[in-house]
Amino acid sequence: MNSRRQEILAGITEVAKTHVGWDGVLEMEMRLVEDLELDSLKSLTLALEVENRFRVELDQVEGIVTVGDLVDAIRERKDA
């Protein structure tokens, strides 16, 4: 994994710990809802706080299933 993806993953980990109570290591293949046990409120909180942290808009979240998908979505929007 390149350094940009690692940086984004670290930011997501920080947001998850601070705002949705995640206490563990995030792996790229982890599923957001199932593995992180996010209900609808926690999913919304994570999305909003990630947008704030990275200053991006996650307008299409349907395709974001895993942590890796989220990392890639943020990277694409930051690099655009």
PDB file of N, CA and C in Angstrom:
ATOM      1  N   MET A   1       0.846  -1.176   0.000  1.00  0.00           N
ATOM      2  CA  MET A   1       0.000   0.000   0.000  1.00  0.00           C
ATOM      3  C   MET A   1       0.890   1.237   0.000  1.00  0.00           C
ATOM      4  N   ASN A   2       0.542   2.195  -0.856  1.00  0.00           N
ATOM      5  CA  ASN A   2       1.375   3.389  -0.937  1.00  0.00           C
ATOM      6  C   ASN A   2       1.122   4.324   0.244  1.00  0.00           C
ATOM      7  N   SER A   3       1.985   5.300   0.412  1.00  0.00           N
ATOM      8  CA  SER A   3       1.928   6.173   1.588  1.00  0.00           C
ATOM      9  C   SER A   3       0.659   7.025   1.624  1.00  0.00           C
ATOM     10  N   ARG A   4       0.146   7.419   0.459  1.00  0.00           N
ATOM     11  CA  ARG A   4      -1.080   8.222   0.421  1.00  0.00           C
ATOM     12  C   ARG A   4      -2.262   7.426   0.961  1.00  0.00           C
ATOM     13  N   ARG A   5      -2.360   6.172   0.547  1.00  0.00           N
ATOM     14  CA  ARG A   5      -3.443   5.309   1.041  1.00  0.00           C
ATOM     15  C   ARG A   5      -3.276   5.046   2.532  1.00  0.00           C
ATOM     16  N   GLN A   6      -2.044   4.885   2.999  1.00  0.00           N
ATOM     17  CA  GLN A   6      -1.795   4.671   4.421  1.00  0.00           C
ATOM     18  C   GLN A   6      -2.193   5.894   5.241  1.00  0.00           C
ATOM     19  N   GLU A   7      -1.900   7.069   4.716  1.00  0.00           N
ATOM     20  CA  GLU A   7      -2.262   8.321   5.381  1.00  0.00           C
ATOM     21  C   GLU A   7      -3.781   8.446   5.503  1.00  0.00           C
ATOM     22  N   ILE A   8      -4.486   8.127   4.431  1.00  0.00           N
ATOM     23  CA  ILE A   8      -5.951   8.190   4.453  1.00  0.00           C
ATOM     24  C   ILE A   8      -6.506   7.158   5.425  1.00  0.00           C
ATOM     25  N   LEU A   9      -5.971   5.948   5.405  1.00  0.00           N
ATOM     26  CA  LEU A   9      -6.407   4.902   6.322  1.00  0.00           C
ATOM     27  C   LEU A   9      -6.206   5.328   7.774  1.00  0.00           C
ATOM     28  N   ALA A  10      -5.091   5.956   8.065  1.00  0.00           N
ATOM     29  CA  ALA A  10      -4.834   6.442   9.430  1.00  0.00           C
ATOM     30  C   ALA A  10      -5.869   7.493   9.829  1.00  0.00           C
ATOM     31  N   GLY A  11      -6.227   8.370   8.903  1.00  0.00           N
ATOM     32  CA  GLY A  11      -7.244   9.377   9.186  1.00  0.00           C
ATOM     33  C   GLY A  11      -8.608   8.757   9.432  1.00  0.00           C
ATOM     34  N   ILE A  12      -8.971   7.764   8.638  1.00  0.00           N
ATOM     35  CA  ILE A  12     -10.244   7.070   8.836  1.00  0.00           C
ATOM     36  C   ILE A  12     -10.253   6.361  10.182  1.00  0.00           C
ATOM     37  N   THR A  13      -9.141   5.746  10.539  1.00  0.00           N
ATOM     38  CA  THR A  13      -9.031   5.067  11.830  1.00  0.00           C
ATOM     39  C   THR A  13      -9.251   6.049  12.972  1.00  0.00           C
ATOM     40  N   GLU A  14      -8.642   7.217  12.872  1.00  0.00           N
ATOM     41  CA  GLU A  14      -8.810   8.250  13.892  1.00  0.00           C
ATOM     42  C   GLU A  14     -10.273   8.683  14.004  1.00  0.00           C
ATOM     43  N   VAL A  15     -10.913   8.906  12.868  1.00  0.00           N
ATOM     44  CA  VAL A  15     -12.326   9.298  12.856  1.00  0.00           C
ATOM     45  C   VAL A  15     -13.180   8.183  13.471  1.00  0.00           C
ATOM     46  N   ALA A  16     -12.928   6.940  13.083  1.00  0.00           N
ATOM     47  CA  ALA A  16     -13.721   5.816  13.590  1.00  0.00           C
ATOM     48  C   ALA A  16     -13.576   5.676  15.103  1.00  0.00           C
ATOM     49  N   LYS A  17     -12.381   5.852  15.608  1.00  0.00           N
ATOM     50  CA  LYS A  17     -12.173   5.748  17.057  1.00  0.00           C
ATOM     51  C   LYS A  17     -12.851   6.893  17.794  1.00  0.00           C
ATOM     52  N   THR A  18     -12.731   8.090  17.268  1.00  0.00           N
ATOM     53  CA  THR A  18     -13.261   9.271  17.937  1.00  0.00           C
ATOM     54  C   THR A  18     -14.778   9.363  17.867  1.00  0.00           C
ATOM     55  N   HIS A  19     -15.349   9.031  16.718  1.00  0.00           N
ATOM     56  CA  HIS A  19     -16.758   9.341  16.499  1.00  0.00           C
ATOM     57  C   HIS A  19     -17.712   8.159  16.488  1.00  0.00           C
ATOM     58  N   VAL A  20     -17.222   6.952  16.265  1.00  0.00           N
ATOM     59  CA  VAL A  20     -18.134   5.799  16.271  1.00  0.00           C
ATOM     60  C   VAL A  20     -17.699   4.704  17.249  1.00  0.00           C
ATOM     61  N   GLY A  21     -16.702   4.989  18.062  1.00  0.00           N
ATOM     62  CA  GLY A  21     -16.310   4.054  19.103  1.00  0.00           C
ATOM     63  C   GLY A  21     -15.567   2.816  18.646  1.00  0.00           C
ATOM     64  N   TRP A  22     -14.982   2.854  17.458  1.00  0.00           N
ATOM     65  CA  TRP A  22     -14.209   1.700  16.970  1.00  0.00           C
ATOM     66  C   TRP A  22     -12.920   1.613  17.758  1.00  0.00           C
ATOM     67  N   ASP A  23     -12.620   0.429  18.264  1.00  0.00           N
ATOM     68  CA  ASP A  23     -11.397   0.246  19.039  1.00  0.00           C
ATOM     69  C   ASP A  23     -10.654  -0.955  18.474  1.00  0.00           C
ATOM     70  N   GLY A  24      -9.947  -0.720  17.402  1.00  0.00           N
ATOM     71  CA  GLY A  24      -9.216  -1.805  16.775  1.00  0.00           C
ATOM     72  C   GLY A  24      -8.438  -1.287  15.587  1.00  0.00           C
ATOM     73  N   VAL A  25      -7.838  -2.204  14.886  1.00  0.00           N
ATOM     74  CA  VAL A  25      -7.072  -1.878  13.693  1.00  0.00           C
ATOM     75  C   VAL A  25      -7.992  -2.017  12.490  1.00  0.00           C
ATOM     76  N   LEU A  26      -7.991  -1.017  11.627  1.00  0.00           N
ATOM     77  CA  LEU A  26      -8.771  -1.103  10.396  1.00  0.00           C
ATOM     78  C   LEU A  26      -7.914  -1.725   9.300  1.00  0.00           C
ATOM     79  N   GLU A  27      -8.501  -2.676   8.606  1.00  0.00           N
ATOM     80  CA  GLU A  27      -7.848  -3.317   7.469  1.00  0.00           C
ATOM     81  C   GLU A  27      -8.622  -2.956   6.214  1.00  0.00           C
ATOM     82  N   MET A  28      -7.942  -2.864   5.095  1.00  0.00           N
ATOM     83  CA  MET A  28      -8.553  -2.442   3.843  1.00  0.00           C
ATOM     84  C   MET A  28      -9.731  -3.331   3.426  1.00  0.00           C
ATOM     85  N   GLU A  29      -9.673  -4.613   3.729  1.00  0.00           N
ATOM     86  CA  GLU A  29     -10.723  -5.530   3.282  1.00  0.00           C
ATOM     87  C   GLU A  29     -11.924  -5.583   4.227  1.00  0.00           C
ATOM     88  N   MET A  30     -11.856  -4.895   5.347  1.00  0.00           N
ATOM     89  CA  MET A  30     -12.965  -4.912   6.304  1.00  0.00           C
ATOM     90  C   MET A  30     -14.196  -4.231   5.721  1.00  0.00           C
ATOM     91  N   ARG A  31     -15.354  -4.857   5.946  1.00  0.00           N
ATOM     92  CA  ARG A  31     -16.626  -4.288   5.497  1.00  0.00           C
ATOM     93  C   ARG A  31     -17.120  -3.293   6.543  1.00  0.00           C
ATOM     94  N   LEU A  32     -17.526  -2.140   6.077  1.00  0.00           N
ATOM     95  CA  LEU A  32     -17.912  -1.057   6.985  1.00  0.00           C
ATOM     96  C   LEU A  32     -19.083  -1.440   7.888  1.00  0.00           C
ATOM     97  N   VAL A  33     -20.139  -1.948   7.326  1.00  0.00           N
ATOM     98  CA  VAL A  33     -21.328  -2.251   8.129  1.00  0.00           C
ATOM     99  C   VAL A  33     -21.137  -3.516   8.951  1.00  0.00           C
ATOM    100  N   GLU A  34     -20.730  -4.588   8.304  1.00  0.00           N
ATOM    101  CA  GLU A  34     -20.644  -5.869   8.991  1.00  0.00           C
ATOM    102  C   GLU A  34     -19.473  -5.948   9.972  1.00  0.00           C
ATOM    103  N   ASP A  35     -18.273  -5.614   9.521  1.00  0.00           N
ATOM    104  CA  ASP A  35     -17.087  -5.791  10.352  1.00  0.00           C
ATOM    105  C   ASP A  35     -16.928  -4.693  11.406  1.00  0.00           C
ATOM    106  N   LEU A  36     -17.313  -3.467  11.050  1.00  0.00           N
ATOM    107  CA  LEU A  36     -17.227  -2.383  12.009  1.00  0.00           C
ATOM    108  C   LEU A  36     -18.505  -2.249  12.838  1.00  0.00           C
ATOM    109  N   GLU A  37     -19.497  -3.071  12.497  1.00  0.00           N
ATOM    110  CA  GLU A  37     -20.780  -3.117  13.205  1.00  0.00           C
ATOM    111  C   GLU A  37     -21.429  -1.740  13.272  1.00  0.00           C
ATOM    112  N   LEU A  38     -21.490  -1.079  12.101  1.00  0.00           N
ATOM    113  CA  LEU A  38     -22.083   0.247  12.028  1.00  0.00           C
ATOM    114  C   LEU A  38     -23.573   0.146  11.729  1.00  0.00           C
ATOM    115  N   ASP A  39     -24.378   0.749  12.596  1.00  0.00           N
ATOM    116  CA  ASP A  39     -25.795   0.876  12.286  1.00  0.00           C
ATOM    117  C   ASP A  39     -25.968   2.126  11.425  1.00  0.00           C
ATOM    118  N   SER A  40     -27.196   2.489  11.110  1.00  0.00           N
ATOM    119  CA  SER A  40     -27.408   3.610  10.199  1.00  0.00           C
ATOM    120  C   SER A  40     -26.895   4.926  10.780  1.00  0.00           C
ATOM    121  N   LEU A  41     -27.068   5.148  12.070  1.00  0.00           N
ATOM    122  CA  LEU A  41     -26.594   6.386  12.687  1.00  0.00           C
ATOM    123  C   LEU A  41     -25.067   6.450  12.691  1.00  0.00           C
ATOM    124  N   LYS A  42     -24.429   5.356  13.039  1.00  0.00           N
ATOM    125  CA  LYS A  42     -22.963   5.331  13.039  1.00  0.00           C
ATOM    126  C   LYS A  42     -22.401   5.451  11.624  1.00  0.00           C
ATOM    127  N   SER A  43     -23.094   4.858  10.650  1.00  0.00           N
ATOM    128  CA  SER A  43     -22.656   4.978   9.254  1.00  0.00           C
ATOM    129  C   SER A  43     -22.703   6.428   8.803  1.00  0.00           C
ATOM    130  N   LEU A  44     -23.795   7.100   9.129  1.00  0.00           N
ATOM    131  CA  LEU A  44     -23.945   8.508   8.771  1.00  0.00           C
ATOM    132  C   LEU A  44     -22.899   9.358   9.483  1.00  0.00           C
ATOM    133  N   THR A  45     -22.688   9.086  10.763  1.00  0.00           N
ATOM    134  CA  THR A  45     -21.679   9.824  11.525  1.00  0.00           C
ATOM    135  C   THR A  45     -20.298   9.637  10.925  1.00  0.00           C
ATOM    136  N   LEU A  46     -19.949   8.399  10.600  1.00  0.00           N
ATOM    137  CA  LEU A  46     -18.644   8.132   9.997  1.00  0.00           C
ATOM    138  C   LEU A  46     -18.502   8.887   8.676  1.00  0.00           C
ATOM    139  N   ALA A  47     -19.531   8.827   7.833  1.00  0.00           N
ATOM    140  CA  ALA A  47     -19.472   9.506   6.531  1.00  0.00           C
ATOM    141  C   ALA A  47     -19.290  11.008   6.704  1.00  0.00           C
ATOM    142  N   LEU A  48     -20.078  11.608   7.584  1.00  0.00           N
ATOM    143  CA  LEU A  48     -19.981  13.058   7.794  1.00  0.00           C
ATOM    144  C   LEU A  48     -18.635  13.467   8.376  1.00  0.00           C
ATOM    145  N   GLU A  49     -18.151  12.716   9.339  1.00  0.00           N
ATOM    146  CA  GLU A  49     -16.874  13.063   9.963  1.00  0.00           C
ATOM    147  C   GLU A  49     -15.697  12.821   9.023  1.00  0.00           C
ATOM    148  N   VAL A  50     -15.787  11.818   8.161  1.00  0.00           N
ATOM    149  CA  VAL A  50     -14.748  11.590   7.146  1.00  0.00           C
ATOM    150  C   VAL A  50     -14.752  12.748   6.157  1.00  0.00           C
ATOM    151  N   GLU A  51     -15.944  13.187   5.756  1.00  0.00           N
ATOM    152  CA  GLU A  51     -16.026  14.347   4.856  1.00  0.00           C
ATOM    153  C   GLU A  51     -15.376  15.575   5.501  1.00  0.00           C
ATOM    154  N   ASN A  52     -15.665  15.797   6.766  1.00  0.00           N
ATOM    155  CA  ASN A  52     -15.071  16.940   7.470  1.00  0.00           C
ATOM    156  C   ASN A  52     -13.559  16.801   7.586  1.00  0.00           C
ATOM    157  N   ARG A  53     -13.101  15.624   7.929  1.00  0.00           N
ATOM    158  CA  ARG A  53     -11.665  15.387   8.150  1.00  0.00           C
ATOM    159  C   ARG A  53     -10.855  15.591   6.871  1.00  0.00           C
ATOM    160  N   PHE A  54     -11.389  15.080   5.759  1.00  0.00           N
ATOM    161  CA  PHE A  54     -10.639  15.114   4.501  1.00  0.00           C
ATOM    162  C   PHE A  54     -11.095  16.224   3.558  1.00  0.00           C
ATOM    163  N   ARG A  55     -12.134  16.955   3.951  1.00  0.00           N
ATOM    164  CA  ARG A  55     -12.664  18.050   3.139  1.00  0.00           C
ATOM    165  C   ARG A  55     -13.057  17.577   1.734  1.00  0.00           C
ATOM    166  N   VAL A  56     -13.858  16.494   1.738  1.00  0.00           N
ATOM    167  CA  VAL A  56     -14.379  15.928   0.500  1.00  0.00           C
ATOM    168  C   VAL A  56     -15.883  15.707   0.654  1.00  0.00           C
ATOM    169  N   GLU A  57     -16.554  15.493  -0.471  1.00  0.00           N
ATOM    170  CA  GLU A  57     -17.960  15.117  -0.453  1.00  0.00           C
ATOM    171  C   GLU A  57     -18.090  13.682  -0.943  1.00  0.00           C
ATOM    172  N   LEU A  58     -18.696  12.859  -0.127  1.00  0.00           N
ATOM    173  CA  LEU A  58     -18.938  11.473  -0.509  1.00  0.00           C
ATOM    174  C   LEU A  58     -20.362  11.372  -1.029  1.00  0.00           C
ATOM    175  N   ASP A  59     -20.579  11.906  -2.225  1.00  0.00           N
ATOM    176  CA  ASP A  59     -21.921  12.004  -2.777  1.00  0.00           C
ATOM    177  C   ASP A  59     -22.505  10.665  -3.196  1.00  0.00           C
ATOM    178  N   GLN A  60     -21.703   9.709  -3.560  1.00  0.00           N
ATOM    179  CA  GLN A  60     -22.206   8.392  -3.958  1.00  0.00           C
ATOM    180  C   GLN A  60     -21.583   7.340  -3.058  1.00  0.00           C
ATOM    181  N   VAL A  61     -22.315   6.973  -2.013  1.00  0.00           N
ATOM    182  CA  VAL A  61     -21.781   6.018  -1.050  1.00  0.00           C
ATOM    183  C   VAL A  61     -22.242   4.583  -1.309  1.00  0.00           C
ATOM    184  N   GLU A  62     -23.091   4.390  -2.316  1.00  0.00           N
ATOM    185  CA  GLU A  62     -23.607   3.048  -2.585  1.00  0.00           C
ATOM    186  C   GLU A  62     -22.492   2.038  -2.865  1.00  0.00           C
ATOM    187  N   GLY A  63     -21.465   2.458  -3.571  1.00  0.00           N
ATOM    188  CA  GLY A  63     -20.390   1.543  -3.936  1.00  0.00           C
ATOM    189  C   GLY A  63     -19.311   1.403  -2.873  1.00  0.00           C
ATOM    190  N   ILE A  64     -19.460   2.103  -1.777  1.00  0.00           N
ATOM    191  CA  ILE A  64     -18.460   2.054  -0.715  1.00  0.00           C
ATOM    192  C   ILE A  64     -18.892   1.003   0.302  1.00  0.00           C
ATOM    193  N   VAL A  65     -18.255  -0.161   0.209  1.00  0.00           N
ATOM    194  CA  VAL A  65     -18.621  -1.291   1.059  1.00  0.00           C
ATOM    195  C   VAL A  65     -17.526  -1.587   2.071  1.00  0.00           C
ATOM    196  N   THR A  66     -16.277  -1.485   1.629  1.00  0.00           N
ATOM    197  CA  THR A  66     -15.150  -1.826   2.498  1.00  0.00           C
ATOM    198  C   THR A  66     -14.365  -0.571   2.889  1.00  0.00           C
ATOM    199  N   VAL A  67     -13.500  -0.734   3.850  1.00  0.00           N
ATOM    200  CA  VAL A  67     -12.599   0.352   4.233  1.00  0.00           C
ATOM    201  C   VAL A  67     -11.763   0.761   3.028  1.00  0.00           C
ATOM    202  N   GLY A  68     -11.312  -0.199   2.245  1.00  0.00           N
ATOM    203  CA  GLY A  68     -10.526   0.087   1.050  1.00  0.00           C
ATOM    204  C   GLY A  68     -11.299   0.914   0.035  1.00  0.00           C
ATOM    205  N   ASP A  69     -12.597   0.617  -0.113  1.00  0.00           N
ATOM    206  CA  ASP A  69     -13.440   1.417  -1.006  1.00  0.00           C
ATOM    207  C   ASP A  69     -13.486   2.865  -0.524  1.00  0.00           C
ATOM    208  N   LEU A  70     -13.604   3.050   0.783  1.00  0.00           N
ATOM    209  CA  LEU A  70     -13.662   4.391   1.357  1.00  0.00           C
ATOM    210  C   LEU A  70     -12.337   5.124   1.143  1.00  0.00           C
ATOM    211  N   VAL A  71     -11.235   4.427   1.360  1.00  0.00           N
ATOM    212  CA  VAL A  71      -9.910   5.015   1.127  1.00  0.00           C
ATOM    213  C   VAL A  71      -9.793   5.469  -0.328  1.00  0.00           C
ATOM    214  N   ASP A  72     -10.190   4.603  -1.252  1.00  0.00           N
ATOM    215  CA  ASP A  72     -10.089   4.933  -2.671  1.00  0.00           C
ATOM    216  C   ASP A  72     -11.003   6.099  -3.054  1.00  0.00           C
ATOM    217  N   ALA A  73     -12.211   6.139  -2.488  1.00  0.00           N
ATOM    218  CA  ALA A  73     -13.141   7.230  -2.784  1.00  0.00           C
ATOM    219  C   ALA A  73     -12.571   8.564  -2.306  1.00  0.00           C
ATOM    220  N   ILE A  74     -11.976   8.566  -1.134  1.00  0.00           N
ATOM    221  CA  ILE A  74     -11.370   9.799  -0.604  1.00  0.00           C
ATOM    222  C   ILE A  74     -10.185  10.201  -1.469  1.00  0.00           C
ATOM    223  N   ARG A  75      -9.348   9.239  -1.808  1.00  0.00           N
ATOM    224  CA  ARG A  75      -8.162   9.540  -2.619  1.00  0.00           C
ATOM    225  C   ARG A  75      -8.555  10.120  -3.973  1.00  0.00           C
ATOM    226  N   GLU A  76      -9.551   9.532  -4.609  1.00  0.00           N
ATOM    227  CA  GLU A  76     -10.011  10.032  -5.907  1.00  0.00           C
ATOM    228  C   GLU A  76     -10.515  11.476  -5.814  1.00  0.00           C
ATOM    229  N   ARG A  77     -11.253  11.760  -4.759  1.00  0.00           N
ATOM    230  CA  ARG A  77     -11.807  13.103  -4.605  1.00  0.00           C
ATOM    231  C   ARG A  77     -10.737  14.122  -4.219  1.00  0.00           C
ATOM    232  N   LYS A  78      -9.754  13.696  -3.457  1.00  0.00           N
ATOM    233  CA  LYS A  78      -8.660  14.597  -3.066  1.00  0.00           C
ATOM    234  C   LYS A  78      -7.739  14.884  -4.248  1.00  0.00           C
ATOM    235  N   ASP A  79      -7.562  13.901  -5.110  1.00  0.00           N
ATOM    236  CA  ASP A  79      -6.654  14.053  -6.247  1.00  0.00           C
ATOM    237  C   ASP A  79      -7.317  14.727  -7.446  1.00  0.00           C
ATOM    238  N   ALA A  80      -8.641  14.850  -7.399  1.00  0.00           N
ATOM    239  CA  ALA A  80      -9.374  15.441  -8.537  1.00  0.00           C
ATOM    240  C   ALA A  80      -9.165  16.940  -8.618  1.00  0.00           C
TER     241      ALA A  80
END
